[in-house]
C-alpha cells in the first residue's frame, strides 16, 4: 500500500498546480505536464492514476481521493476550490500551508539530532562502564577479600547481568530504534505515538497551538472560497483530528448558536487565546476575517515551533547532567569502599 505524500511533496505539487492554473492551463493538462516532467517511479504512477481518473470523471478532488495518496485535508480543500472556482488560490494557499508544515517538521528533526546523539552516547558510556570497568573493580574486591554489600553489590549485579545479556540488550535497542522509525513513517502508528505524547503537558500545549493553526487556516480558506460561516466552520471542525479539540469546537458552535460572538465563543471554548479571539472579532467587524484568521494560523504555528525548539534545546544540558550524575554515582559507589580498604591497609 502506498504512503500518503509527505509535506514537501504536497507543497511542491500544489505550488506547481497554482502556477499552471495561473497560466490558463486546465487542471487535466496541468496534471499531464507534471506527469511527463516527473522521473519514472511512484510519483509518475500516482500522477498517471490521477490523470486517468480526472479524465474519466472530470472531478479533480475525487481523482486525488481515489489515488489514496493525498490526505483528506488536501482533498477537501481541493473540493472547495473546484466548487467555488478558486482552485488556483486554494492550491497556492495549500502550498504555503504545507511548506510551513515541512519547515516545522524539518526544524524539529534538526533540533533533535544532537540530543539523540547525546542520548546514544549516554547509553554507550553506561554500557561500557557497567560491562567493562565494573568487573575489574569486582575482581579487585575479591582479591582483597572484601565483603561486597549495599549499593556496591547492586551495581556489580547489574553489571554482571548486562555483561551476560549484552547481545539481547543490543537486539532490543536496535528493535526499539526500528520501531520508532517505522512509527514515524506509518500514519496509524505515528498517530498512536503522538496520542501518547499528547498526555504530556508540554505536548498538549503544542498540539493545541497546531490545532488552532490548522483550524484557522481551513476556515480562512473556506471563507475566501465563498462558503458561508456555517459551512466553513463545519468543514474546519470536521478536518480536526484531535477528539478533544473537536469537543471544544462543538462547544464553540453551541455558544455561537446562543448568540455569542465568534471570537469570544472560540476563546471561551479554549480554541483561541484572548489576543487571537480579539484579532478575529475585529476582523469579522471590519470585513477582513480571512486575513485575520490566516494571521492567527501563522502566529500559532510559529509559537508552536518556538516552544518545540525551546524544549528540545533544554534536552542537551539535561542529558549531559544525567550522564554526569549516573557516572559519578556508579564510580563513587565503588571507589568509597575501595578507598576505605586502602586506608585501613595503609
C-alpha atoms as a PDB file:
ATOM      1  CA  UNK A   1       0.000   0.000   0.000  1.00  0.00           C
ATOM      2  CA  UNK A   2       1.308   3.438  -0.946  1.00  0.00           C
ATOM      3  CA  UNK A   3       2.162   6.002   1.689  1.00  0.00           C
ATOM      4  CA  UNK A   4       0.448   9.386   1.799  1.00  0.00           C
ATOM      5  CA  UNK A   5       2.585  12.081   0.189  1.00  0.00           C
ATOM      6  CA  UNK A   6       4.718  13.992   2.672  1.00  0.00           C
ATOM      7  CA  UNK A   7       4.506  17.733   3.358  1.00  0.00           C
ATOM      8  CA  UNK A   8       7.338  18.627   0.979  1.00  0.00           C
ATOM      9  CA  UNK A   9       5.773  16.699  -1.910  1.00  0.00           C
ATOM     10  CA  UNK A  10       2.347  18.220  -1.254  1.00  0.00           C
ATOM     11  CA  UNK A  11       3.820  21.738  -1.093  1.00  0.00           C
ATOM     12  CA  UNK A  12       5.667  21.225  -4.381  1.00  0.00           C
ATOM     13  CA  UNK A  13       2.689  19.702  -6.193  1.00  0.00           C
ATOM     14  CA  UNK A  14       0.191  22.346  -5.063  1.00  0.00           C
ATOM     15  CA  UNK A  15       2.672  25.118  -5.881  1.00  0.00           C
ATOM     16  CA  UNK A  16       3.201  23.741  -9.384  1.00  0.00           C
ATOM     17  CA  UNK A  17      -0.550  23.397  -9.921  1.00  0.00           C
ATOM     18  CA  UNK A  18      -1.142  27.001  -8.755  1.00  0.00           C
ATOM     19  CA  UNK A  19       1.446  28.216 -11.279  1.00  0.00           C
ATOM     20  CA  UNK A  20      -0.066  26.095 -14.055  1.00  0.00           C
ATOM     21  CA  UNK A  21      -3.622  27.274 -13.348  1.00  0.00           C
ATOM     22  CA  UNK A  22      -2.431  30.888 -13.216  1.00  0.00           C
ATOM     23  CA  UNK A  23      -1.045  30.420 -16.728  1.00  0.00           C
ATOM     24  CA  UNK A  24      -4.511  29.485 -18.009  1.00  0.00           C
ATOM     25  CA  UNK A  25      -3.761  25.778 -18.434  1.00  0.00           C
ATOM     26  CA  UNK A  26      -6.550  23.373 -17.452  1.00  0.00           C
ATOM     27  CA  UNK A  27      -6.185  21.038 -14.496  1.00  0.00           C
ATOM     28  CA  UNK A  28      -6.209  17.957 -16.741  1.00  0.00           C
ATOM     29  CA  UNK A  29      -3.499  19.340 -18.995  1.00  0.00           C
ATOM     30  CA  UNK A  30      -1.521  20.515 -15.982  1.00  0.00           C
ATOM     31  CA  UNK A  31      -1.505  17.026 -14.460  1.00  0.00           C
ATOM     32  CA  UNK A  32      -0.389  15.661 -17.820  1.00  0.00           C
ATOM     33  CA  UNK A  33       2.514  18.128 -17.907  1.00  0.00           C
ATOM     34  CA  UNK A  34       3.568  17.270 -14.369  1.00  0.00           C
ATOM     35  CA  UNK A  35       3.399  13.558 -15.182  1.00  0.00           C
ATOM     36  CA  UNK A  36       5.601  13.978 -18.235  1.00  0.00           C
ATOM     37  CA  UNK A  37       8.137  16.042 -16.281  1.00  0.00           C
ATOM     38  CA  UNK A  38       8.276  13.567 -13.378  1.00  0.00           C
ATOM     39  CA  UNK A  39      11.053  10.950 -13.350  1.00  0.00           C
ATOM     40  CA  UNK A  40       9.946   7.330 -13.728  1.00  0.00           C
ATOM     41  CA  UNK A  41       8.783   5.912 -10.434  1.00  0.00           C
ATOM     42  CA  UNK A  42       5.960   6.018  -7.935  1.00  0.00           C
ATOM     43  CA  UNK A  43       5.382   9.758  -8.348  1.00  0.00           C
ATOM     44  CA  UNK A  44       4.752   9.385 -12.059  1.00  0.00           C
ATOM     45  CA  UNK A  45       2.441   6.434 -11.398  1.00  0.00           C
ATOM     46  CA  UNK A  46       0.379   8.470  -8.916  1.00  0.00           C
ATOM     47  CA  UNK A  47       0.035  11.362 -11.348  1.00  0.00           C
ATOM     48  CA  UNK A  48      -0.921   8.873 -14.052  1.00  0.00           C
ATOM     49  CA  UNK A  49      -3.716   7.484 -11.886  1.00  0.00           C
ATOM     50  CA  UNK A  50      -4.918  10.989 -11.032  1.00  0.00           C
ATOM     51  CA  UNK A  51      -4.880  11.920 -14.725  1.00  0.00           C
ATOM     52  CA  UNK A  52      -6.870   8.839 -15.747  1.00  0.00           C
ATOM     53  CA  UNK A  53      -9.462   9.372 -13.034  1.00  0.00           C
ATOM     54  CA  UNK A  54      -9.744  13.096 -13.784  1.00  0.00           C
ATOM     55  CA  UNK A  55     -10.175  12.405 -17.494  1.00  0.00           C
ATOM     56  CA  UNK A  56     -12.936   9.913 -16.709  1.00  0.00           C
ATOM     57  CA  UNK A  57     -14.886  11.814 -14.026  1.00  0.00           C
ATOM     58  CA  UNK A  58     -13.868  15.438 -14.548  1.00  0.00           C
ATOM     59  CA  UNK A  59     -13.587  15.885 -10.760  1.00  0.00           C
ATOM     60  CA  UNK A  60     -10.091  16.704  -9.547  1.00  0.00           C
ATOM     61  CA  UNK A  61     -10.798  16.188  -5.831  1.00  0.00           C
ATOM     62  CA  UNK A  62     -12.296  12.753  -6.478  1.00  0.00           C
ATOM     63  CA  UNK A  63      -9.281  11.840  -8.616  1.00  0.00           C
ATOM     64  CA  UNK A  64      -6.974  12.770  -5.729  1.00  0.00           C
ATOM     65  CA  UNK A  65      -9.076  10.787  -3.247  1.00  0.00           C
ATOM     66  CA  UNK A  66      -9.204   7.668  -5.425  1.00  0.00           C
ATOM     67  CA  UNK A  67      -5.400   7.541  -5.626  1.00  0.00           C
ATOM     68  CA  UNK A  68      -5.210   7.077  -1.842  1.00  0.00           C
ATOM     69  CA  UNK A  69      -2.013   9.139  -1.658  1.00  0.00           C
ATOM     70  CA  UNK A  70      -3.402  12.516  -0.574  1.00  0.00           C
ATOM     71  CA  UNK A  71      -4.507  13.483   2.952  1.00  0.00           C
ATOM     72  CA  UNK A  72      -8.180  14.233   3.480  1.00  0.00           C
ATOM     73  CA  UNK A  73      -7.384  17.857   4.276  1.00  0.00           C
ATOM     74  CA  UNK A  74      -5.759  18.348   0.859  1.00  0.00           C
ATOM     75  CA  UNK A  75      -8.652  16.612  -0.901  1.00  0.00           C
ATOM     76  CA  UNK A  76     -11.368  18.566   0.892  1.00  0.00           C
ATOM     77  CA  UNK A  77      -9.666  21.892   0.229  1.00  0.00           C
ATOM     78  CA  UNK A  78      -9.337  20.961  -3.429  1.00  0.00           C
ATOM     79  CA  UNK A  79     -13.030  20.107  -3.466  1.00  0.00           C
ATOM     80  CA  UNK A  80     -13.858  23.564  -2.098  1.00  0.00           C
ATOM     81  CA  UNK A  81     -11.655  25.175  -4.728  1.00  0.00           C
ATOM     82  CA  UNK A  82     -13.443  23.309  -7.505  1.00  0.00           C
ATOM     83  CA  UNK A  83     -16.885  24.199  -6.186  1.00  0.00           C
ATOM     84  CA  UNK A  84     -16.077  27.884  -5.745  1.00  0.00           C
ATOM     85  CA  UNK A  85     -13.946  28.371  -8.869  1.00  0.00           C
ATOM     86  CA  UNK A  86     -10.998  29.372  -6.664  1.00  0.00           C
ATOM     87  CA  UNK A  87      -8.830  26.306  -7.294  1.00  0.00           C
ATOM     88  CA  UNK A  88      -5.760  28.381  -8.150  1.00  0.00           C
ATOM     89  CA  UNK A  89      -5.977  30.324  -4.890  1.00  0.00           C
ATOM     90  CA  UNK A  90      -6.623  27.134  -2.927  1.00  0.00           C
ATOM     91  CA  UNK A  91      -3.558  25.466  -4.444  1.00  0.00           C
ATOM     92  CA  UNK A  92      -1.435  28.496  -3.632  1.00  0.00           C
ATOM     93  CA  UNK A  93      -2.706  28.525  -0.055  1.00  0.00           C
ATOM     94  CA  UNK A  94      -2.134  24.781   0.324  1.00  0.00           C
ATOM     95  CA  UNK A  95       1.402  25.177  -0.971  1.00  0.00           C
ATOM     96  CA  UNK A  96       2.094  27.824   1.680  1.00  0.00           C
ATOM     97  CA  UNK A  97       0.474  25.711   4.397  1.00  0.00           C
ATOM     98  CA  UNK A  98       2.390  22.521   3.611  1.00  0.00           C
ATOM     99  CA  UNK A  99       5.620  24.448   3.189  1.00  0.00           C
ATOM    100  CA  UNK A 100       5.191  25.755   6.744  1.00  0.00           C
ATOM    101  CA  UNK A 101       4.444  22.213   7.913  1.00  0.00           C
ATOM    102  CA  UNK A 102       7.564  20.930   6.155  1.00  0.00           C
ATOM    103  CA  UNK A 103       9.701  23.646   7.711  1.00  0.00           C
ATOM    104  CA  UNK A 104       8.292  22.858  11.166  1.00  0.00           C
ATOM    105  CA  UNK A 105       8.993  19.135  10.787  1.00  0.00           C
ATOM    106  CA  UNK A 106      12.498  19.845   9.486  1.00  0.00           C
ATOM    107  CA  UNK A 107      13.320  22.176  12.355  1.00  0.00           C
ATOM    108  CA  UNK A 108      12.163  19.581  14.889  1.00  0.00           C
ATOM    109  CA  UNK A 109      14.228  16.879  13.210  1.00  0.00           C
ATOM    110  CA  UNK A 110      17.330  19.077  13.108  1.00  0.00           C
ATOM    111  CA  UNK A 111      16.883  20.177  16.695  1.00  0.00           C
ATOM    112  CA  UNK A 112      16.513  16.589  17.905  1.00  0.00           C
ATOM    113  CA  UNK A 113      19.587  15.257  16.124  1.00  0.00           C
ATOM    114  CA  UNK A 114      22.209  16.310  18.688  1.00  0.00           C
ATOM    115  CA  UNK A 115      20.161  15.367  21.795  1.00  0.00           C
ATOM    116  CA  UNK A 116      19.586  11.927  20.286  1.00  0.00           C
ATOM    117  CA  UNK A 117      23.326  11.569  19.670  1.00  0.00           C
ATOM    118  CA  UNK A 118      23.957  12.535  23.296  1.00  0.00           C
ATOM    119  CA  UNK A 119      21.362  10.007  24.428  1.00  0.00           C
ATOM    120  CA  UNK A 120      23.102   7.273  22.425  1.00  0.00           C
ATOM    121  CA  UNK A 121      26.421   8.318  23.986  1.00  0.00           C
ATOM    122  CA  UNK A 122      24.811   8.108  27.426  1.00  0.00           C
ATOM    123  CA  UNK A 123      23.787   4.506  26.871  1.00  0.00           C
ATOM    124  CA  UNK A 124      27.170   3.642  25.334  1.00  0.00           C
ATOM    125  CA  UNK A 125      29.154   5.135  28.250  1.00  0.00           C
ATOM    126  CA  UNK A 126      26.971   3.434  30.850  1.00  0.00           C
ATOM    127  CA  UNK A 127      27.174   0.104  28.982  1.00  0.00           C
ATOM    128  CA  UNK A 128      30.974   0.235  28.818  1.00  0.00           C
ATOM    129  CA  UNK A 129      31.191   1.310  32.445  1.00  0.00           C
ATOM    130  CA  UNK A 130      28.925  -1.477  33.688  1.00  0.00           C
ATOM    131  CA  UNK A 131      30.220  -4.302  31.483  1.00  0.00           C
ATOM    132  CA  UNK A 132      33.948  -3.500  31.234  1.00  0.00           C
ATOM    133  CA  UNK A 133      35.006  -1.307  34.161  1.00  0.00           C
ATOM    134  CA  UNK A 134      32.865  -2.724  36.987  1.00  0.00           C
ATOM    135  CA  UNK A 135      34.120  -6.326  36.566  1.00  0.00           C
ATOM    136  CA  UNK A 136      37.693  -5.050  37.102  1.00  0.00           C
ATOM    137  CA  UNK A 137      36.717  -3.465  40.422  1.00  0.00           C
ATOM    138  CA  UNK A 138      34.811  -6.604  41.397  1.00  0.00           C
ATOM    139  CA  UNK A 139      37.959  -8.699  40.809  1.00  0.00           C
ATOM    140  CA  UNK A 140      39.991  -6.275  42.929  1.00  0.00           C
ATOM    141  CA  UNK A 141      37.498  -6.557  45.792  1.00  0.00           C
ATOM    142  CA  UNK A 142      37.569 -10.360  45.598  1.00  0.00           C
ATOM    143  CA  UNK A 143      41.383 -10.405  45.670  1.00  0.00           C
ATOM    144  CA  UNK A 144      41.340  -8.154  48.732  1.00  0.00           C
ATOM    145  CA  UNK A 145      38.823 -10.466  50.397  1.00  0.00           C
ATOM    146  CA  UNK A 146      36.251  -7.714  50.847  1.00  0.00           C
ATOM    147  CA  UNK A 147      32.602  -8.494  51.513  1.00  0.00           C
ATOM    148  CA  UNK A 148      30.559  -6.544  48.986  1.00  0.00           C
ATOM    149  CA  UNK A 149      27.180  -5.222  50.138  1.00  0.00           C
ATOM    150  CA  UNK A 150      24.757  -2.320  49.755  1.00  0.00           C
ATOM    151  CA  UNK A 151      24.771  -0.133  46.673  1.00  0.00           C
ATOM    152  CA  UNK A 152      28.116  -1.519  45.508  1.00  0.00           C
ATOM    153  CA  UNK A 153      26.688  -5.039  45.417  1.00  0.00           C
ATOM    154  CA  UNK A 154      23.686  -3.864  43.401  1.00  0.00           C
ATOM    155  CA  UNK A 155      25.946  -2.086  40.887  1.00  0.00           C
ATOM    156  CA  UNK A 156      28.075  -5.219  40.430  1.00  0.00           C
ATOM    157  CA  UNK A 157      24.987  -7.395  39.942  1.00  0.00           C
ATOM    158  CA  UNK A 158      23.594  -5.057  37.301  1.00  0.00           C
ATOM    159  CA  UNK A 159      26.968  -5.059  35.541  1.00  0.00           C
ATOM    160  CA  UNK A 160      27.082  -8.860  35.538  1.00  0.00           C
ATOM    161  CA  UNK A 161      23.547  -9.111  34.135  1.00  0.00           C
ATOM    162  CA  UNK A 162      24.324  -6.553  31.416  1.00  0.00           C
ATOM    163  CA  UNK A 163      27.544  -8.357  30.529  1.00  0.00           C
ATOM    164  CA  UNK A 164      25.800 -11.730  30.156  1.00  0.00           C
ATOM    165  CA  UNK A 165      22.822 -10.264  28.295  1.00  0.00           C
ATOM    166  CA  UNK A 166      24.725  -7.757  26.144  1.00  0.00           C
ATOM    167  CA  UNK A 167      23.585  -9.406  22.893  1.00  0.00           C
ATOM    168  CA  UNK A 168      19.929  -9.347  23.984  1.00  0.00           C
ATOM    169  CA  UNK A 169      20.190  -5.706  25.079  1.00  0.00           C
ATOM    170  CA  UNK A 170      21.729  -4.762  21.725  1.00  0.00           C
ATOM    171  CA  UNK A 171      18.934  -6.535  19.833  1.00  0.00           C
ATOM    172  CA  UNK A 172      16.265  -4.820  21.945  1.00  0.00           C
ATOM    173  CA  UNK A 173      17.898  -1.438  21.406  1.00  0.00           C
ATOM    174  CA  UNK A 174      18.022  -1.932  17.625  1.00  0.00           C
ATOM    175  CA  UNK A 175      14.408  -3.160  17.658  1.00  0.00           C
ATOM    176  CA  UNK A 176      13.341  -0.042  19.565  1.00  0.00           C
ATOM    177  CA  UNK A 177      15.087   2.210  17.041  1.00  0.00           C
ATOM    178  CA  UNK A 178      13.454   0.361  14.129  1.00  0.00           C
ATOM    179  CA  UNK A 179      10.049   0.612  15.819  1.00  0.00           C
ATOM    180  CA  UNK A 180      10.433   4.370  16.248  1.00  0.00           C
ATOM    181  CA  UNK A 181      11.464   4.824  12.616  1.00  0.00           C
ATOM    182  CA  UNK A 182       8.553   2.698  11.379  1.00  0.00           C
ATOM    183  CA  UNK A 183       6.089   4.562  13.584  1.00  0.00           C
ATOM    184  CA  UNK A 184       7.248   7.877  12.119  1.00  0.00           C
ATOM    185  CA  UNK A 185       6.621   6.596   8.592  1.00  0.00           C
ATOM    186  CA  UNK A 186       3.322   4.779   9.201  1.00  0.00           C
ATOM    187  CA  UNK A 187       0.354   7.078   9.666  1.00  0.00           C
ATOM    188  CA  UNK A 188      -1.540   4.805  12.082  1.00  0.00           C
ATOM    189  CA  UNK A 189       1.438   4.127  14.344  1.00  0.00           C
ATOM    190  CA  UNK A 190       2.506   7.771  14.189  1.00  0.00           C
ATOM    191  CA  UNK A 191      -0.977   8.816  15.325  1.00  0.00           C
ATOM    192  CA  UNK A 192      -0.820   6.406  18.276  1.00  0.00           C
ATOM    193  CA  UNK A 193       2.625   7.633  19.317  1.00  0.00           C
ATOM    194  CA  UNK A 194       1.533  11.257  19.095  1.00  0.00           C
ATOM    195  CA  UNK A 195      -1.602  10.378  21.034  1.00  0.00           C
ATOM    196  CA  UNK A 196       0.545   9.069  23.886  1.00  0.00           C
ATOM    197  CA  UNK A 197       2.812  12.121  23.782  1.00  0.00           C
ATOM    198  CA  UNK A 198      -0.192  14.443  23.925  1.00  0.00           C
ATOM    199  CA  UNK A 199      -0.752  13.392  27.541  1.00  0.00           C
ATOM    200  CA  UNK A 200       2.390  15.347  28.410  1.00  0.00           C
ATOM    201  CA  UNK A 201       1.578  18.961  29.420  1.00  0.00           C
ATOM    202  CA  UNK A 202       4.148  20.399  27.017  1.00  0.00           C
ATOM    203  CA  UNK A 203       2.927  18.375  24.028  1.00  0.00           C
ATOM    204  CA  UNK A 204      -0.691  19.181  24.880  1.00  0.00           C
ATOM    205  CA  UNK A 205       0.077  22.887  24.569  1.00  0.00           C
ATOM    206  CA  UNK A 206       1.933  22.424  21.288  1.00  0.00           C
ATOM    207  CA  UNK A 207      -0.859  20.272  19.894  1.00  0.00           C
ATOM    208  CA  UNK A 208      -3.446  22.900  20.860  1.00  0.00           C
ATOM    209  CA  UNK A 209      -1.455  25.548  19.005  1.00  0.00           C
ATOM    210  CA  UNK A 210      -1.152  23.385  15.890  1.00  0.00           C
ATOM    211  CA  UNK A 211      -4.877  22.565  16.041  1.00  0.00           C
ATOM    212  CA  UNK A 212      -5.682  26.268  16.269  1.00  0.00           C
ATOM    213  CA  UNK A 213      -3.357  26.964  13.336  1.00  0.00           C
ATOM    214  CA  UNK A 214      -4.943  24.353  11.106  1.00  0.00           C
ATOM    215  CA  UNK A 215      -8.496  25.290  12.073  1.00  0.00           C
ATOM    216  CA  UNK A 216      -7.842  28.976  11.370  1.00  0.00           C
ATOM    217  CA  UNK A 217      -6.178  28.205   8.036  1.00  0.00           C
ATOM    218  CA  UNK A 218      -9.043  25.954   6.931  1.00  0.00           C
ATOM    219  CA  UNK A 219     -11.719  28.448   7.920  1.00  0.00           C
ATOM    220  CA  UNK A 220      -9.849  31.313   6.240  1.00  0.00           C
ATOM    221  CA  UNK A 221      -9.560  29.331   3.025  1.00  0.00           C
ATOM    222  CA  UNK A 222     -13.207  28.237   3.187  1.00  0.00           C
ATOM    223  CA  UNK A 223     -14.445  31.810   3.628  1.00  0.00           C
ATOM    224  CA  UNK A 224     -12.197  33.026   0.815  1.00  0.00           C
ATOM    225  CA  UNK A 225     -13.617  30.305  -1.426  1.00  0.00           C
ATOM    226  CA  UNK A 226     -17.159  31.577  -0.943  1.00  0.00           C
ATOM    227  CA  UNK A 227     -18.514  29.260   1.760  1.00  0.00           C
ATOM    228  CA  UNK A 228     -20.676  30.851   4.419  1.00  0.00           C
ATOM    229  CA  UNK A 229     -19.664  30.870   8.056  1.00  0.00           C
ATOM    230  CA  UNK A 230     -21.682  27.771   8.982  1.00  0.00           C
ATOM    231  CA  UNK A 231     -20.293  25.649   6.157  1.00  0.00           C
ATOM    232  CA  UNK A 232     -16.759  26.859   6.727  1.00  0.00           C
ATOM    233  CA  UNK A 233     -16.908  26.181  10.465  1.00  0.00           C
ATOM    234  CA  UNK A 234     -18.331  22.670   9.946  1.00  0.00           C
ATOM    235  CA  UNK A 235     -15.626  21.897   7.393  1.00  0.00           C
ATOM    236  CA  UNK A 236     -12.799  23.169   9.591  1.00  0.00           C
ATOM    237  CA  UNK A 237     -14.131  21.317  12.639  1.00  0.00           C
ATOM    238  CA  UNK A 238     -14.605  18.110  10.647  1.00  0.00           C
ATOM    239  CA  UNK A 239     -10.992  18.133   9.469  1.00  0.00           C
ATOM    240  CA  UNK A 240      -9.658  18.394  13.042  1.00  0.00           C
ATOM    241  CA  UNK A 241      -8.001  15.115  14.079  1.00  0.00           C
ATOM    242  CA  UNK A 242      -7.863  15.664  17.848  1.00  0.00           C
ATOM    243  CA  UNK A 243     -11.063  14.367  19.595  1.00  0.00           C
ATOM    244  CA  UNK A 244     -10.640  16.833  22.472  1.00  0.00           C
ATOM    245  CA  UNK A 245     -10.331  19.740  20.027  1.00  0.00           C
ATOM    246  CA  UNK A 246     -13.493  18.564  18.250  1.00  0.00           C
ATOM    247  CA  UNK A 247     -15.376  18.676  21.545  1.00  0.00           C
ATOM    248  CA  UNK A 248     -14.162  22.221  22.106  1.00  0.00           C
ATOM    249  CA  UNK A 249     -15.285  23.215  18.616  1.00  0.00           C
ATOM    250  CA  UNK A 250     -18.705  21.681  19.229  1.00  0.00           C
ATOM    251  CA  UNK A 251     -18.929  23.737  22.411  1.00  0.00           C
ATOM    252  CA  UNK A 252     -17.913  26.859  20.454  1.00  0.00           C
ATOM    253  CA  UNK A 253     -20.608  26.103  17.883  1.00  0.00           C
ATOM    254  CA  UNK A 254     -23.223  25.844  20.639  1.00  0.00           C
ATOM    255  CA  UNK A 255     -22.109  29.157  22.119  1.00  0.00           C
ATOM    256  CA  UNK A 256     -22.382  30.837  18.700  1.00  0.00           C
ATOM    257  CA  UNK A 257     -25.878  29.399  18.287  1.00  0.00           C
ATOM    258  CA  UNK A 258     -26.714  31.063  21.611  1.00  0.00           C
ATOM    259  CA  UNK A 259     -25.654  34.399  20.113  1.00  0.00           C
ATOM    260  CA  UNK A 260     -22.080  34.721  21.352  1.00  0.00           C
ATOM    261  CA  UNK A 261     -19.518  36.474  19.128  1.00  0.00           C
ATOM    262  CA  UNK A 262     -17.338  34.117  17.016  1.00  0.00           C
ATOM    263  CA  UNK A 263     -14.056  35.123  18.645  1.00  0.00           C
ATOM    264  CA  UNK A 264     -15.486  35.027  22.168  1.00  0.00           C
ATOM    265  CA  UNK A 265     -17.067  31.615  21.561  1.00  0.00           C
ATOM    266  CA  UNK A 266     -13.734  30.154  20.458  1.00  0.00           C
ATOM    267  CA  UNK A 267     -11.961  31.870  23.349  1.00  0.00           C
ATOM    268  CA  UNK A 268     -14.349  30.501  25.976  1.00  0.00           C
ATOM    269  CA  UNK A 269     -14.164  27.005  24.465  1.00  0.00           C
ATOM    270  CA  UNK A 270     -10.349  27.061  24.666  1.00  0.00           C
ATOM    271  CA  UNK A 271      -9.503  27.161  20.944  1.00  0.00           C
ATOM    272  CA  UNK A 272      -8.279  30.774  20.745  1.00  0.00           C
ATOM    273  CA  UNK A 273      -6.299  32.815  23.238  1.00  0.00           C
ATOM    274  CA  UNK A 274      -7.688  36.194  24.235  1.00  0.00           C
ATOM    275  CA  UNK A 275      -5.449  38.056  21.769  1.00  0.00           C
ATOM    276  CA  UNK A 276      -6.297  35.788  18.846  1.00  0.00           C
ATOM    277  CA  UNK A 277     -10.003  35.953  19.657  1.00  0.00           C
ATOM    278  CA  UNK A 278      -9.817  39.763  19.712  1.00  0.00           C
ATOM    279  CA  UNK A 279      -7.994  39.873  16.374  1.00  0.00           C
ATOM    280  CA  UNK A 280     -10.569  37.615  14.704  1.00  0.00           C
ATOM    281  CA  UNK A 281     -13.512  39.501  16.202  1.00  0.00           C
ATOM    282  CA  UNK A 282     -12.134  42.774  14.833  1.00  0.00           C
ATOM    283  CA  UNK A 283     -11.508  41.052  11.513  1.00  0.00           C
ATOM    284  CA  UNK A 284     -15.160  39.999  11.242  1.00  0.00           C
ATOM    285  CA  UNK A 285     -16.360  43.503  12.116  1.00  0.00           C
ATOM    286  CA  UNK A 286     -14.075  45.159   9.570  1.00  0.00           C
ATOM    287  CA  UNK A 287     -14.676  42.633   6.758  1.00  0.00           C
ATOM    288  CA  UNK A 288     -11.172  41.177   6.891  1.00  0.00           C
ATOM    289  CA  UNK A 289     -11.942  37.899   8.666  1.00  0.00           C
ATOM    290  CA  UNK A 290      -9.962  35.812   6.150  1.00  0.00           C
ATOM    291  CA  UNK A 291      -6.809  37.861   6.713  1.00  0.00           C
ATOM    292  CA  UNK A 292      -7.199  37.789  10.492  1.00  0.00           C
ATOM    293  CA  UNK A 293      -7.717  34.030  10.540  1.00  0.00           C
ATOM    294  CA  UNK A 294      -4.687  33.425   8.342  1.00  0.00           C
ATOM    295  CA  UNK A 295      -2.590  35.659  10.583  1.00  0.00           C
ATOM    296  CA  UNK A 296      -3.748  33.677  13.624  1.00  0.00           C
ATOM    297  CA  UNK A 297      -2.818  30.463  11.804  1.00  0.00           C
ATOM    298  CA  UNK A 298       0.711  31.687  11.109  1.00  0.00           C
ATOM    299  CA  UNK A 299       1.158  33.054  14.654  1.00  0.00           C
ATOM    300  CA  UNK A 300       0.045  29.783  16.267  1.00  0.00           C
ATOM    301  CA  UNK A 301       2.347  27.691  14.105  1.00  0.00           C
ATOM    302  CA  UNK A 302       5.304  29.980  14.814  1.00  0.00           C
ATOM    303  CA  UNK A 303       4.526  29.828  18.538  1.00  0.00           C
ATOM    304  CA  UNK A 304       4.390  26.018  18.411  1.00  0.00           C
ATOM    305  CA  UNK A 305       7.711  25.954  16.564  1.00  0.00           C
ATOM    306  CA  UNK A 306       9.330  28.240  19.154  1.00  0.00           C
ATOM    307  CA  UNK A 307       8.045  26.110  22.046  1.00  0.00           C
ATOM    308  CA  UNK A 308       9.361  22.929  20.436  1.00  0.00           C
ATOM    309  CA  UNK A 309      12.749  24.498  19.799  1.00  0.00           C
ATOM    310  CA  UNK A 310      12.936  25.718  23.391  1.00  0.00           C
ATOM    311  CA  UNK A 311      12.009  22.324  24.829  1.00  0.00           C
ATOM    312  CA  UNK A 312      14.426  20.444  22.591  1.00  0.00           C
ATOM    313  CA  UNK A 313      17.166  22.946  23.453  1.00  0.00           C
ATOM    314  CA  UNK A 314      16.717  22.055  27.126  1.00  0.00           C
ATOM    315  CA  UNK A 315      17.275  18.358  26.389  1.00  0.00           C
ATOM    316  CA  UNK A 316      21.004  18.723  25.735  1.00  0.00           C
ATOM    317  CA  UNK A 317      22.029  20.037  29.189  1.00  0.00           C
ATOM    318  CA  UNK A 318      19.525  17.663  30.830  1.00  0.00           C
ATOM    319  CA  UNK A 319      21.030  14.609  29.121  1.00  0.00           C
ATOM    320  CA  UNK A 320      24.560  15.804  29.925  1.00  0.00           C
ATOM    321  CA  UNK A 321      23.598  16.271  33.574  1.00  0.00           C
ATOM    322  CA  UNK A 322      22.020  12.795  33.761  1.00  0.00           C
ATOM    323  CA  UNK A 323      25.138  11.234  32.218  1.00  0.00           C
ATOM    324  CA  UNK A 324      27.418  13.025  34.689  1.00  0.00           C
ATOM    325  CA  UNK A 325      25.296  12.158  37.720  1.00  0.00           C
ATOM    326  CA  UNK A 326      24.860   8.474  36.838  1.00  0.00           C
ATOM    327  CA  UNK A 327      28.541   8.027  36.015  1.00  0.00           C
ATOM    328  CA  UNK A 328      29.558   9.784  39.222  1.00  0.00           C
ATOM    329  CA  UNK A 329      27.172   7.731  41.376  1.00  0.00           C
ATOM    330  CA  UNK A 330      28.405   4.455  39.904  1.00  0.00           C
ATOM    331  CA  UNK A 331      32.053   5.337  40.404  1.00  0.00           C
ATOM    332  CA  UNK A 332      31.516   6.736  43.908  1.00  0.00           C
ATOM    333  CA  UNK A 333      29.622   3.591  44.955  1.00  0.00           C
ATOM    334  CA  UNK A 334      32.720   1.569  44.076  1.00  0.00           C
ATOM    335  CA  UNK A 335      35.524   3.975  44.967  1.00  0.00           C
ATOM    336  CA  UNK A 336      34.404   4.757  48.530  1.00  0.00           C
ATOM    337  CA  UNK A 337      34.630   1.151  49.772  1.00  0.00           C
ATOM    338  CA  UNK A 338      37.921   0.718  47.917  1.00  0.00           C
ATOM    339  CA  UNK A 339      39.376   3.874  49.479  1.00  0.00           C
ATOM    340  CA  UNK A 340      38.264   2.641  52.893  1.00  0.00           C
ATOM    341  CA  UNK A 341      40.136  -0.632  52.418  1.00  0.00           C
ATOM    342  CA  UNK A 342      43.234   1.152  51.143  1.00  0.00           C
ATOM    343  CA  UNK A 343      43.274   3.479  54.153  1.00  0.00           C
ATOM    344  CA  UNK A 344      42.997   0.515  56.543  1.00  0.00           C
ATOM    345  CA  UNK A 345      45.867  -1.248  54.750  1.00  0.00           C
ATOM    346  CA  UNK A 346      47.958   1.915  54.958  1.00  0.00           C
END
